[in-house]
Amino acid sequence: MSLEDDLATATDTTTVFLDAERRRGELRADLTAIGAAFTTRPSILRRAAALLAEELPTATDRLVTTGTADAVAVTTALALHTGLPFAVDAGEVHRGDRVAVVTPIADDPADATAAALADRVRAAGAEPVVVLSVLAADGTPTLAGTRTPSENLS
């Protein structure tokens, strides 16, 4: 494929010029420097969304998140990048949807936010297929760290 073809089909031109590991490393460094305040930085949100999008299963129908400002910011960036609709707190989730649960910070053992949200998704008749987080519970970057609900949200 030519450079022109790559640029014409790329959803994010940085993917044409930098491999995923380099993009992950650069974003990891930015997140380490900024921490949880990353949700107020559009350039970081855009790059995080691009990396989160790479972790989405292809048949994902919808994104779902909690109603916190940080969670909505991350999910909005991901929705804009992928074109997928999103719901807040499992509202507008439809029976049979394959749903990605999006959280800015992964749950620590004492906080089961993603698990509770996955339960609400199941109660609505949808299937949570993955959990995506930008930061680990200790604040270190996970950069699209994924967990399948069957392994971690039962």
Protein backbone atom coordinates (compact mmCIF):
# COMPACT_ATOMS: atom_id res chain seq x y z
CA MET A 1 0.00 0.00 0.00
CA SER A 2 1.32 3.48 -0.81
CA LEU A 3 1.67 6.35 1.65
CA GLU A 4 -1.24 8.11 -0.06
CA ASP A 5 -3.41 5.01 0.40
CA ASP A 6 -2.35 4.69 4.04
CA LEU A 7 -3.16 8.34 4.72
CA ALA A 8 -6.49 8.12 2.91
CA THR A 9 -7.67 5.13 4.95
CA ALA A 10 -6.15 5.92 8.36
CA THR A 11 -8.50 7.17 11.06
CA ASP A 12 -5.56 8.80 12.82
CA THR A 13 -2.56 9.91 10.75
CA THR A 14 -0.16 9.19 13.62
CA THR A 15 -0.81 5.49 13.03
CA VAL A 16 0.75 5.81 9.58
CA PHE A 17 4.00 7.22 10.91
CA LEU A 18 4.44 5.66 14.35
CA ASP A 19 4.01 2.02 15.30
CA ALA A 20 1.59 1.18 18.10
CA GLU A 21 4.31 0.46 20.66
CA ARG A 22 5.95 3.84 20.10
CA ARG A 23 2.57 5.63 20.35
CA ARG A 24 1.83 3.69 23.55
CA GLY A 25 5.21 4.62 25.01
CA GLU A 26 4.81 8.32 24.25
CA LEU A 27 1.29 8.40 25.66
CA ARG A 28 2.42 6.43 28.73
CA ALA A 29 5.05 9.11 29.39
CA ASP A 30 2.47 11.91 29.02
CA LEU A 31 0.01 10.14 31.33
CA THR A 32 2.70 9.54 33.92
CA ALA A 33 3.56 13.24 33.88
CA ILE A 34 -0.04 14.47 34.02
CA GLY A 35 -1.90 11.72 35.90
CA ALA A 36 -5.68 11.77 36.27
CA ALA A 37 -5.88 15.31 34.84
CA PHE A 38 -5.46 13.80 31.37
CA THR A 39 -9.21 14.13 30.72
CA THR A 40 -8.79 17.90 30.36
CA ARG A 41 -6.16 17.53 27.63
CA PRO A 42 -7.72 17.01 24.17
CA SER A 43 -4.47 15.82 22.57
CA ILE A 44 -4.05 13.12 25.21
CA LEU A 45 -7.72 12.10 25.04
CA ARG A 46 -7.45 11.78 21.26
CA ARG A 47 -4.39 9.54 21.46
CA ALA A 48 -5.85 7.49 24.31
CA ALA A 49 -9.04 6.99 22.28
CA ALA A 50 -7.04 5.75 19.29
CA LEU A 51 -5.29 3.16 21.45
CA LEU A 52 -8.50 2.14 23.22
CA ALA A 53 -10.16 1.69 19.81
CA GLU A 54 -7.52 -0.88 18.89
CA GLU A 55 -8.67 -2.99 21.85
CA LEU A 56 -12.36 -3.01 20.93
CA PRO A 57 -13.73 -6.30 19.65
CA THR A 58 -14.92 -5.82 16.07
CA ALA A 59 -18.55 -6.62 16.81
CA THR A 60 -18.95 -4.03 19.58
CA ASP A 61 -22.29 -2.22 19.22
CA ARG A 62 -22.11 0.41 21.95
CA LEU A 63 -19.94 1.97 24.61
CA VAL A 64 -21.19 2.48 28.14
CA THR A 65 -19.75 4.44 31.05
CA THR A 66 -20.61 5.98 34.40
CA GLY A 67 -21.86 9.53 34.66
CA THR A 68 -18.66 11.06 36.05
CA ALA A 69 -17.15 13.89 34.04
CA ASP A 70 -13.86 12.04 33.49
CA ALA A 71 -15.63 8.86 32.34
CA VAL A 72 -17.86 10.79 29.94
CA ALA A 73 -14.82 12.64 28.54
CA VAL A 74 -12.93 9.42 27.81
CA THR A 75 -16.01 7.71 26.36
CA THR A 76 -16.89 10.71 24.19
CA ALA A 77 -13.36 10.73 22.75
CA LEU A 78 -13.63 7.00 22.01
CA ALA A 79 -17.10 7.40 20.49
CA LEU A 80 -15.87 10.21 18.24
CA HIS A 81 -12.89 8.11 17.15
CA THR A 82 -14.91 4.96 16.42
CA GLY A 83 -18.33 6.32 15.50
CA LEU A 84 -19.95 4.03 18.08
CA PRO A 85 -22.85 5.37 20.14
CA PHE A 86 -22.49 5.46 23.90
CA ALA A 87 -24.74 5.35 26.90
CA VAL A 88 -24.26 6.71 30.39
CA ASP A 89 -24.95 4.31 33.27
CA ALA A 90 -26.43 1.66 30.94
CA GLY A 91 -29.21 3.98 29.71
CA GLU A 92 -30.10 3.40 26.03
CA VAL A 93 -28.52 -0.04 26.06
CA HIS A 94 -30.57 -2.40 23.94
CA ARG A 95 -31.22 -6.10 24.33
CA GLY A 96 -28.58 -8.04 22.41
CA ASP A 97 -26.06 -5.18 22.21
CA ARG A 98 -22.40 -6.11 22.61
CA VAL A 99 -21.12 -3.42 24.95
CA ALA A 100 -17.69 -2.11 25.91
CA VAL A 101 -17.56 -0.72 29.44
CA VAL A 102 -15.25 2.33 29.49
CA THR A 103 -13.65 3.72 32.65
CA PRO A 104 -10.90 6.32 32.91
CA ILE A 105 -9.33 4.54 35.89
CA ALA A 106 -9.50 0.78 36.40
CA ASP A 107 -11.30 -0.36 39.51
CA ASP A 108 -9.30 -1.15 42.56
CA PRO A 109 -10.51 -4.14 44.60
CA ALA A 110 -12.47 -1.86 46.94
CA ASP A 111 -14.37 -0.12 44.12
CA ALA A 112 -16.43 -2.33 41.84
CA THR A 113 -17.71 0.41 39.50
CA ALA A 114 -17.01 -1.46 36.25
CA ALA A 115 -18.43 -4.70 37.64
CA ALA A 116 -21.60 -2.94 38.81
CA LEU A 117 -21.96 -1.24 35.44
CA ALA A 118 -21.49 -4.57 33.66
CA ASP A 119 -24.25 -6.01 35.87
CA ARG A 120 -26.60 -3.17 34.80
CA VAL A 121 -25.69 -3.85 31.16
CA ARG A 122 -26.57 -7.53 31.63
CA ALA A 123 -29.83 -6.56 33.37
CA ALA A 124 -30.75 -4.54 30.28
CA GLY A 125 -30.29 -7.67 28.16
CA ALA A 126 -26.97 -6.64 26.61
CA GLU A 127 -23.60 -8.38 26.79
CA PRO A 128 -20.54 -6.63 28.24
CA VAL A 129 -17.66 -7.85 26.06
CA VAL A 130 -14.71 -5.84 27.36
CA VAL A 131 -13.68 -3.24 29.93
CA LEU A 132 -11.34 -0.50 28.75
CA SER A 133 -9.37 1.76 31.10
CA VAL A 134 -6.72 4.40 30.57
CA LEU A 135 -5.15 4.34 34.04
CA ALA A 136 -4.73 1.53 36.56
CA ALA A 137 -6.19 1.96 40.04
CA ASP A 138 -2.78 3.08 41.33
CA GLY A 139 -2.66 5.84 38.68
CA THR A 140 -0.12 4.18 36.39
CA PRO A 141 -1.00 4.11 32.69
CA THR A 142 -2.60 0.92 31.41
CA LEU A 143 -3.23 2.42 27.98
CA ALA A 144 -6.08 0.36 26.66
CA GLY A 145 -5.66 -2.37 29.21
CA THR A 146 -8.60 -4.66 28.64
CA ARG A 147 -10.33 -7.23 30.76
CA THR A 148 -13.04 -9.48 29.54
CA PRO A 149 -16.09 -9.48 31.79
CA SER A 150 -16.19 -13.26 31.88
CA GLU A 151 -12.77 -13.23 33.56
CA ASN A 152 -13.06 -10.21 35.82
CA LEU A 153 -16.63 -9.04 36.08
CA SER A 154 -18.53 -12.08 37.17
